[in-house]
Amino acid sequence: MRTDDGIDLFSKPVEPAPVLAQGKPPRGLTDGGWVRTTGWLQIGDHPVSSALLAALAGLLWALVGAAVSVRAFPVTAGVLVLLMPVLCGVFWWFLTSRVRPASVARNVETKHADELAVGDLVRLYGSIGPVAQVAEVQVADEVDVTFQGEVRQSWPRDRVVHVAELLS
């Protein structure tokens, strides 16, 4: 049933999505309410773009290709070694910033599942991967956690979860 303003009186209220400190939505926010963070790695407390790893993988493949073809095509082998890392890094950057955007996130602490609170941003699958905001916590024999967008997880009470901070 809709009012004159177009408001559905019987619809479920929409939960707020995770937001950055600046008040804008993070990159990689999905319809399910969780945030993709696959384009970033964490070394210590510093997020590092995974495009660097893609460039390194491109360099390794280029070195193999150059070693195979250097006698027959020496110029091509040299160009391959110079261009392949750049192309792989740029392709991965484009993929994780434009095609399937991912936010920069870093882990800030760990908690046991029974210590989670509403509003915590938690890694869903360990120390890496997507981040979701806790909407509801029910502690019993196991901890039932409902995240924004209705994603649900059941964890043992002593399971260590990683609390993250979204940076962009």
C-alpha atoms as a PDB file:
ATOM      1  CA  MET A   1       0.000   0.000   0.000  1.00  0.00           C
ATOM      2  CA  ARG A   2       1.509   3.284  -1.107  1.00  0.00           C
ATOM      3  CA  THR A   3       0.731   6.719   0.267  1.00  0.00           C
ATOM      4  CA  ASP A   4       0.264   9.828  -1.879  1.00  0.00           C
ATOM      5  CA  ASP A   5       3.997  10.471  -1.466  1.00  0.00           C
ATOM      6  CA  GLY A   6       4.834   7.088  -3.024  1.00  0.00           C
ATOM      7  CA  ILE A   7       5.967   5.534   0.276  1.00  0.00           C
ATOM      8  CA  ASP A   8       5.206   1.828   0.728  1.00  0.00           C
ATOM      9  CA  LEU A   9       3.922   1.480   4.293  1.00  0.00           C
ATOM     10  CA  PHE A  10       4.503  -2.279   4.413  1.00  0.00           C
ATOM     11  CA  SER A  11       7.995  -2.421   2.959  1.00  0.00           C
ATOM     12  CA  LYS A  12      10.950  -3.353   5.080  1.00  0.00           C
ATOM     13  CA  PRO A  13      12.991  -0.285   6.089  1.00  0.00           C
ATOM     14  CA  VAL A  14      16.215   0.087   4.130  1.00  0.00           C
ATOM     15  CA  GLU A  15      19.286  -0.237   6.309  1.00  0.00           C
ATOM     16  CA  PRO A  16      22.000   2.345   5.777  1.00  0.00           C
ATOM     17  CA  ALA A  17      24.955   1.110   3.767  1.00  0.00           C
ATOM     18  CA  PRO A  18      28.524   1.469   5.034  1.00  0.00           C
ATOM     19  CA  VAL A  19      29.899   4.961   4.443  1.00  0.00           C
ATOM     20  CA  LEU A  20      33.357   6.481   4.500  1.00  0.00           C
ATOM     21  CA  ALA A  21      34.467   9.132   6.979  1.00  0.00           C
ATOM     22  CA  GLN A  22      33.652  11.776   4.334  1.00  0.00           C
ATOM     23  CA  GLY A  23      30.040  10.535   4.251  1.00  0.00           C
ATOM     24  CA  LYS A  24      30.143   9.085   0.733  1.00  0.00           C
ATOM     25  CA  PRO A  25      29.624   5.413  -0.177  1.00  0.00           C
ATOM     26  CA  PRO A  26      32.762   3.300  -0.655  1.00  0.00           C
ATOM     27  CA  ARG A  27      33.870   1.995  -4.049  1.00  0.00           C
ATOM     28  CA  GLY A  28      32.851  -1.603  -4.587  1.00  0.00           C
ATOM     29  CA  LEU A  29      29.616  -1.369  -2.587  1.00  0.00           C
ATOM     30  CA  THR A  30      27.412  -4.220  -3.814  1.00  0.00           C
ATOM     31  CA  ASP A  31      23.639  -4.565  -3.875  1.00  0.00           C
ATOM     32  CA  GLY A  32      24.053  -7.083  -1.050  1.00  0.00           C
ATOM     33  CA  GLY A  33      25.475  -4.372   1.236  1.00  0.00           C
ATOM     34  CA  TRP A  34      29.035  -5.683   1.455  1.00  0.00           C
ATOM     35  CA  VAL A  35      32.097  -3.938   0.026  1.00  0.00           C
ATOM     36  CA  ARG A  36      34.611  -5.516  -2.379  1.00  0.00           C
ATOM     37  CA  THR A  37      38.226  -5.014  -1.307  1.00  0.00           C
ATOM     38  CA  THR A  38      39.924  -7.435  -3.709  1.00  0.00           C
ATOM     39  CA  GLY A  39      42.138  -4.816  -5.336  1.00  0.00           C
ATOM     40  CA  TRP A  40      44.167  -4.216  -2.189  1.00  0.00           C
ATOM     41  CA  LEU A  41      46.589  -6.074   0.030  1.00  0.00           C
ATOM     42  CA  GLN A  42      47.839  -5.117   3.453  1.00  0.00           C
ATOM     43  CA  ILE A  43      51.487  -5.054   4.470  1.00  0.00           C
ATOM     44  CA  GLY A  44      51.733  -4.062   8.109  1.00  0.00           C
ATOM     45  CA  ASP A  45      49.281  -1.182   8.503  1.00  0.00           C
ATOM     46  CA  HIS A  46      49.649  -0.023   4.901  1.00  0.00           C
ATOM     47  CA  PRO A  47      47.263  -0.940   2.073  1.00  0.00           C
ATOM     48  CA  VAL A  48      49.109  -1.785  -1.161  1.00  0.00           C
ATOM     49  CA  SER A  49      47.501  -2.019  -4.584  1.00  0.00           C
ATOM     50  CA  SER A  50      47.448  -5.561  -5.918  1.00  0.00           C
ATOM     51  CA  ALA A  51      48.287  -4.067  -9.336  1.00  0.00           C
ATOM     52  CA  LEU A  52      51.903  -4.260  -8.179  1.00  0.00           C
ATOM     53  CA  LEU A  53      51.581  -8.035  -7.849  1.00  0.00           C
ATOM     54  CA  ALA A  54      49.967  -8.213 -11.277  1.00  0.00           C
ATOM     55  CA  ALA A  55      52.919  -6.268 -12.710  1.00  0.00           C
ATOM     56  CA  LEU A  56      55.341  -8.634 -10.989  1.00  0.00           C
ATOM     57  CA  ALA A  57      53.495 -11.658 -12.420  1.00  0.00           C
ATOM     58  CA  GLY A  58      53.632 -10.013 -15.852  1.00  0.00           C
ATOM     59  CA  LEU A  59      57.362  -9.525 -15.459  1.00  0.00           C
ATOM     60  CA  LEU A  60      57.885 -13.194 -14.588  1.00  0.00           C
ATOM     61  CA  TRP A  61      55.866 -14.358 -17.617  1.00  0.00           C
ATOM     62  CA  ALA A  62      57.696 -11.846 -19.822  1.00  0.00           C
ATOM     63  CA  LEU A  63      61.062 -13.165 -18.657  1.00  0.00           C
ATOM     64  CA  VAL A  64      60.000 -16.711 -19.493  1.00  0.00           C
ATOM     65  CA  GLY A  65      58.711 -15.639 -22.904  1.00  0.00           C
ATOM     66  CA  ALA A  66      61.851 -13.613 -23.565  1.00  0.00           C
ATOM     67  CA  ALA A  67      64.098 -16.525 -22.600  1.00  0.00           C
ATOM     68  CA  VAL A  68      62.267 -18.749 -25.088  1.00  0.00           C
ATOM     69  CA  SER A  69      62.250 -16.241 -27.955  1.00  0.00           C
ATOM     70  CA  VAL A  70      65.438 -14.193 -27.464  1.00  0.00           C
ATOM     71  CA  ARG A  71      67.478 -16.052 -30.101  1.00  0.00           C
ATOM     72  CA  ALA A  72      64.874 -15.803 -32.849  1.00  0.00           C
ATOM     73  CA  PHE A  73      63.377 -12.399 -31.949  1.00  0.00           C
ATOM     74  CA  PRO A  74      65.750 -10.421 -29.683  1.00  0.00           C
ATOM     75  CA  VAL A  75      64.002  -7.056 -30.117  1.00  0.00           C
ATOM     76  CA  THR A  76      60.588  -8.597 -29.471  1.00  0.00           C
ATOM     77  CA  ALA A  77      61.945 -10.282 -26.343  1.00  0.00           C
ATOM     78  CA  GLY A  78      63.220  -6.944 -25.028  1.00  0.00           C
ATOM     79  CA  VAL A  79      59.957  -5.169 -25.765  1.00  0.00           C
ATOM     80  CA  LEU A  80      58.063  -8.030 -24.098  1.00  0.00           C
ATOM     81  CA  VAL A  81      60.104  -7.641 -20.904  1.00  0.00           C
ATOM     82  CA  LEU A  82      59.510  -3.891 -20.867  1.00  0.00           C
ATOM     83  CA  LEU A  83      55.819  -3.805 -21.768  1.00  0.00           C
ATOM     84  CA  MET A  84      54.288  -6.913 -20.202  1.00  0.00           C
ATOM     85  CA  PRO A  85      54.625  -5.790 -16.536  1.00  0.00           C
ATOM     86  CA  VAL A  86      53.169  -2.394 -17.381  1.00  0.00           C
ATOM     87  CA  LEU A  87      50.269  -3.894 -19.333  1.00  0.00           C
ATOM     88  CA  CYS A  88      49.462  -6.430 -16.595  1.00  0.00           C
ATOM     89  CA  GLY A  89      49.599  -3.785 -13.854  1.00  0.00           C
ATOM     90  CA  VAL A  90      47.467  -1.301 -15.790  1.00  0.00           C
ATOM     91  CA  PHE A  91      44.953  -3.998 -16.742  1.00  0.00           C
ATOM     92  CA  TRP A  92      44.569  -5.114 -13.117  1.00  0.00           C
ATOM     93  CA  TRP A  93      44.307  -1.507 -11.911  1.00  0.00           C
ATOM     94  CA  PHE A  94      41.603  -0.818 -14.532  1.00  0.00           C
ATOM     95  CA  LEU A  95      39.742  -3.976 -13.544  1.00  0.00           C
ATOM     96  CA  THR A  96      39.735  -3.147  -9.799  1.00  0.00           C
ATOM     97  CA  SER A  97      39.030   0.559 -10.171  1.00  0.00           C
ATOM     98  CA  ARG A  98      36.576   0.769 -13.077  1.00  0.00           C
ATOM     99  CA  VAL A  99      35.122  -2.623 -14.071  1.00  0.00           C
ATOM    100  CA  ARG A 100      34.755  -4.226 -10.609  1.00  0.00           C
ATOM    101  CA  PRO A 101      35.679  -1.401  -8.224  1.00  0.00           C
ATOM    102  CA  ALA A 102      37.175  -2.274  -4.874  1.00  0.00           C
ATOM    103  CA  SER A 103      37.664  -0.098  -1.821  1.00  0.00           C
ATOM    104  CA  VAL A 104      40.871   0.352   0.055  1.00  0.00           C
ATOM    105  CA  ALA A 105      40.521  -1.243   3.475  1.00  0.00           C
ATOM    106  CA  ARG A 106      42.857  -2.176   6.265  1.00  0.00           C
ATOM    107  CA  ASN A 107      42.437  -4.437   9.250  1.00  0.00           C
ATOM    108  CA  VAL A 108      42.567  -2.477  12.483  1.00  0.00           C
ATOM    109  CA  GLU A 109      41.970  -5.126  15.141  1.00  0.00           C
ATOM    110  CA  THR A 110      40.694  -8.601  15.839  1.00  0.00           C
ATOM    111  CA  LYS A 111      37.772  -9.546  18.068  1.00  0.00           C
ATOM    112  CA  HIS A 112      36.077 -12.721  19.123  1.00  0.00           C
ATOM    113  CA  ALA A 113      32.722 -13.184  17.425  1.00  0.00           C
ATOM    114  CA  ASP A 114      30.840 -12.724  20.693  1.00  0.00           C
ATOM    115  CA  GLU A 115      32.447  -9.266  21.129  1.00  0.00           C
ATOM    116  CA  LEU A 116      31.049  -7.837  17.880  1.00  0.00           C
ATOM    117  CA  ALA A 117      28.826  -4.775  18.065  1.00  0.00           C
ATOM    118  CA  VAL A 118      26.341  -3.200  15.688  1.00  0.00           C
ATOM    119  CA  GLY A 119      28.178  -0.948  13.240  1.00  0.00           C
ATOM    120  CA  ASP A 120      31.471  -2.883  13.207  1.00  0.00           C
ATOM    121  CA  LEU A 121      32.979  -3.374   9.753  1.00  0.00           C
ATOM    122  CA  VAL A 122      34.080  -7.011   9.567  1.00  0.00           C
ATOM    123  CA  ARG A 123      35.912  -9.128   6.998  1.00  0.00           C
ATOM    124  CA  LEU A 124      33.487 -11.858   5.961  1.00  0.00           C
ATOM    125  CA  TYR A 125      35.992 -14.614   5.164  1.00  0.00           C
ATOM    126  CA  GLY A 126      39.090 -14.258   7.315  1.00  0.00           C
ATOM    127  CA  SER A 127      41.764 -11.589   7.122  1.00  0.00           C
ATOM    128  CA  ILE A 128      41.197 -10.631   3.461  1.00  0.00           C
ATOM    129  CA  GLY A 129      38.234 -10.272   1.173  1.00  0.00           C
ATOM    130  CA  PRO A 130      34.979  -8.345   1.360  1.00  0.00           C
ATOM    131  CA  VAL A 131      33.910  -6.177   4.276  1.00  0.00           C
ATOM    132  CA  ALA A 132      30.372  -5.968   5.671  1.00  0.00           C
ATOM    133  CA  GLN A 133      28.813  -3.835   8.380  1.00  0.00           C
ATOM    134  CA  VAL A 134      27.254  -5.620  11.356  1.00  0.00           C
ATOM    135  CA  ALA A 135      23.524  -4.891  11.635  1.00  0.00           C
ATOM    136  CA  GLU A 136      22.571  -7.361  14.385  1.00  0.00           C
ATOM    137  CA  VAL A 137      24.342  -9.786  16.730  1.00  0.00           C
ATOM    138  CA  GLN A 138      22.652 -12.636  18.610  1.00  0.00           C
ATOM    139  CA  VAL A 139      24.828 -14.541  21.052  1.00  0.00           C
ATOM    140  CA  ALA A 140      23.813 -18.070  22.054  1.00  0.00           C
ATOM    141  CA  ASP A 141      25.821 -21.299  21.703  1.00  0.00           C
ATOM    142  CA  GLU A 142      26.957 -19.776  18.422  1.00  0.00           C
ATOM    143  CA  VAL A 143      27.046 -16.143  17.391  1.00  0.00           C
ATOM    144  CA  ASP A 144      24.535 -15.305  14.659  1.00  0.00           C
ATOM    145  CA  VAL A 145      25.604 -12.142  12.886  1.00  0.00           C
ATOM    146  CA  THR A 146      23.384 -10.322  10.406  1.00  0.00           C
ATOM    147  CA  PHE A 147      25.137  -7.822   8.176  1.00  0.00           C
ATOM    148  CA  GLN A 148      23.755  -4.913   6.141  1.00  0.00           C
ATOM    149  CA  GLY A 149      21.943  -6.347   3.133  1.00  0.00           C
ATOM    150  CA  GLU A 150      20.778  -9.470   4.990  1.00  0.00           C
ATOM    151  CA  VAL A 151      24.010 -11.450   4.688  1.00  0.00           C
ATOM    152  CA  ARG A 152      24.123 -13.838   7.661  1.00  0.00           C
ATOM    153  CA  GLN A 153      26.956 -15.775   9.273  1.00  0.00           C
ATOM    154  CA  SER A 154      26.996 -18.164  12.227  1.00  0.00           C
ATOM    155  CA  TRP A 155      30.309 -18.433  14.023  1.00  0.00           C
ATOM    156  CA  PRO A 156      31.546 -20.131  17.183  1.00  0.00           C
ATOM    157  CA  ARG A 157      31.790 -17.673  20.079  1.00  0.00           C
ATOM    158  CA  ASP A 158      35.594 -17.838  20.160  1.00  0.00           C
ATOM    159  CA  ARG A 159      36.136 -17.360  16.410  1.00  0.00           C
ATOM    160  CA  VAL A 160      38.550 -14.523  15.714  1.00  0.00           C
ATOM    161  CA  VAL A 161      37.181 -12.012  13.205  1.00  0.00           C
ATOM    162  CA  HIS A 162      39.023  -9.112  11.620  1.00  0.00           C
ATOM    163  CA  VAL A 163      37.574  -5.647  12.082  1.00  0.00           C
ATOM    164  CA  ALA A 164      38.449  -3.387   9.148  1.00  0.00           C
ATOM    165  CA  GLU A 165      38.472   0.284   8.300  1.00  0.00           C
ATOM    166  CA  LEU A 166      37.360   1.512   4.862  1.00  0.00           C
ATOM    167  CA  LEU A 167      39.733   4.136   3.482  1.00  0.00           C
ATOM    168  CA  SER A 168      38.142   4.794   0.066  1.00  0.00           C
END
